[in-house]
Protein backbone atom coordinates (compact mmCIF):
# COMPACT_ATOMS: atom_id res chain seq x y z
CA MET A 1 -8.32 -44.37 -24.97
CA LYS A 2 -9.47 -43.62 -21.29
CA LYS A 3 -12.48 -41.94 -20.34
CA PRO A 4 -12.40 -38.75 -18.31
CA ILE A 5 -13.17 -39.21 -14.64
CA GLY A 6 -15.20 -36.80 -12.55
CA THR A 7 -17.20 -33.57 -13.51
CA PRO A 8 -16.30 -31.77 -16.61
CA ILE A 9 -14.32 -28.54 -16.03
CA ASN A 10 -16.37 -25.09 -16.78
CA VAL A 11 -13.51 -23.00 -18.26
CA ASP A 12 -15.44 -20.00 -17.76
CA VAL A 13 -15.35 -20.45 -13.96
CA ILE A 14 -11.70 -21.22 -13.86
CA HIS A 15 -11.18 -17.91 -15.74
CA GLU A 16 -13.20 -15.93 -13.35
CA ILE A 17 -11.41 -17.54 -10.44
CA GLU A 18 -7.97 -16.69 -11.98
CA LYS A 19 -9.13 -13.16 -12.30
CA GLN A 20 -10.06 -12.91 -8.72
CA LEU A 21 -6.95 -14.48 -7.51
CA GLU A 22 -4.99 -12.08 -9.67
CA LEU A 23 -6.65 -9.11 -8.22
CA ASP A 24 -5.97 -10.46 -4.57
CA VAL A 25 -2.37 -10.91 -5.33
CA ASP A 26 -1.82 -7.67 -7.22
CA THR A 27 -3.44 -5.31 -4.85
CA GLY A 28 -1.50 -3.06 -2.84
CA TRP A 29 0.13 0.44 -2.53
CA ARG A 30 2.95 2.18 -4.82
CA LEU A 31 4.89 5.05 -3.37
CA VAL A 32 6.69 7.24 -5.54
CA ARG A 33 9.25 10.01 -4.40
CA GLN A 34 8.94 12.69 -6.81
CA ALA A 35 12.37 14.00 -6.73
CA ASP A 36 14.12 10.92 -8.00
CA SER A 37 11.17 8.49 -8.70
CA LEU A 38 12.34 6.08 -6.15
CA THR A 39 9.41 3.46 -5.82
CA LYS A 40 8.30 1.36 -3.09
CA THR A 41 5.42 -1.15 -3.05
CA SER A 42 3.59 -2.78 -0.12
CA LYS A 43 0.28 -4.76 0.50
CA GLN A 44 -0.55 -2.43 3.26
CA VAL A 45 0.01 1.13 4.69
CA MET A 46 -0.54 2.56 8.10
CA TRP A 47 0.03 5.91 9.37
CA ILE A 48 2.10 6.64 12.51
CA GLU A 49 1.78 9.31 15.14
CA TRP A 50 4.58 10.49 17.10
CA ASN A 51 5.00 11.77 20.75
CA GLU A 52 6.75 15.01 21.11
CA ASP A 53 10.11 13.05 22.27
CA GLY A 54 9.92 11.07 18.94
CA SER A 55 8.65 7.87 20.50
CA PHE A 56 5.54 5.94 19.01
CA LYS A 57 2.26 7.36 20.19
CA SER A 58 -0.42 5.75 17.94
CA LYS A 59 -1.28 4.08 14.66
CA HIS A 60 -4.04 5.30 12.02
CA GLU A 61 -5.76 4.27 8.87
CA GLU A 62 -5.71 7.70 7.38
CA PRO A 63 -2.99 10.22 6.73
CA ALA A 64 -2.71 13.56 8.70
CA VAL A 65 -0.22 16.32 9.04
CA GLY A 66 2.35 15.25 11.64
CA ARG A 67 2.06 11.50 10.91
CA SER A 68 4.59 9.31 8.99
CA LEU A 69 3.81 6.64 6.43
CA LEU A 70 4.60 3.15 7.19
CA MET A 71 4.47 0.51 4.28
CA SER A 72 4.13 -3.22 5.28
CA PRO A 73 5.37 -5.79 6.36
CA PHE A 74 4.84 -4.07 9.76
CA ASN A 75 7.91 -5.28 11.68
CA GLN A 76 11.46 -4.64 11.76
CA PHE A 77 11.85 -5.39 7.93
CA PHE A 78 9.19 -2.63 6.73
CA THR A 79 9.38 -1.52 3.25
CA TRP A 80 9.53 2.02 3.81
CA GLN A 81 9.03 4.87 6.43
CA THR A 82 8.57 8.60 5.70
CA THR A 83 9.36 11.45 8.10
CA GLN A 84 6.43 13.31 9.23
CA ILE A 85 3.76 14.73 6.80
CA THR A 86 3.97 18.61 6.64
CA VAL A 87 1.36 19.28 3.82
CA LEU A 88 -1.55 17.08 2.36
CA HIS A 89 -2.31 17.94 -1.32
CA GLU A 90 -4.76 15.53 -2.17
CA VAL A 91 -6.44 12.68 -0.22
CA THR A 92 -8.98 10.06 -1.93
CA ASP A 93 -9.46 6.28 -1.63
CA ASP A 94 -6.97 5.47 -4.20
CA ARG A 95 -4.37 8.31 -4.09
CA ILE A 96 -2.59 10.47 -1.50
CA LYS A 97 -0.32 13.34 -2.47
CA PHE A 98 1.76 14.60 0.14
CA ASP A 99 5.08 16.46 1.54
CA THR A 100 7.32 15.50 4.47
CA GLY A 101 10.19 17.60 5.84
CA ASN A 102 12.27 15.90 3.24
CA SER A 103 10.47 14.95 0.00
CA GLU A 104 7.31 15.25 -1.90
CA TYR A 105 5.38 11.59 -2.38
CA GLU A 106 2.61 10.23 -4.22
CA LEU A 107 0.91 6.96 -2.84
CA VAL A 108 -1.50 4.99 -5.13
CA ARG A 109 -3.52 1.91 -4.69
CA PHE A 110 -3.02 -0.38 -7.64
């Protein structure tokens, strides 16, 4: 029988690392459109402000009336983009409920 080589593995440390890695992998945002339960997820979100002519003006980390939600990845293959927010119902660190000109949404951090 061969003897093990190297330092013994601490199983508790391995489990802690697995938990931390799983948390990093699973964090993100889930958007649900209330009318039909359409659900989209992404790692990150940003809020886009528009000029009066409909062209891009600036990006933001927080929602506001007149801004649109953009879900990552932030390139031509983005997950979802809403029309402009018309009403903000609730804004916390982990939940944002808002209406756009077209729909009602709930955005939740997971």
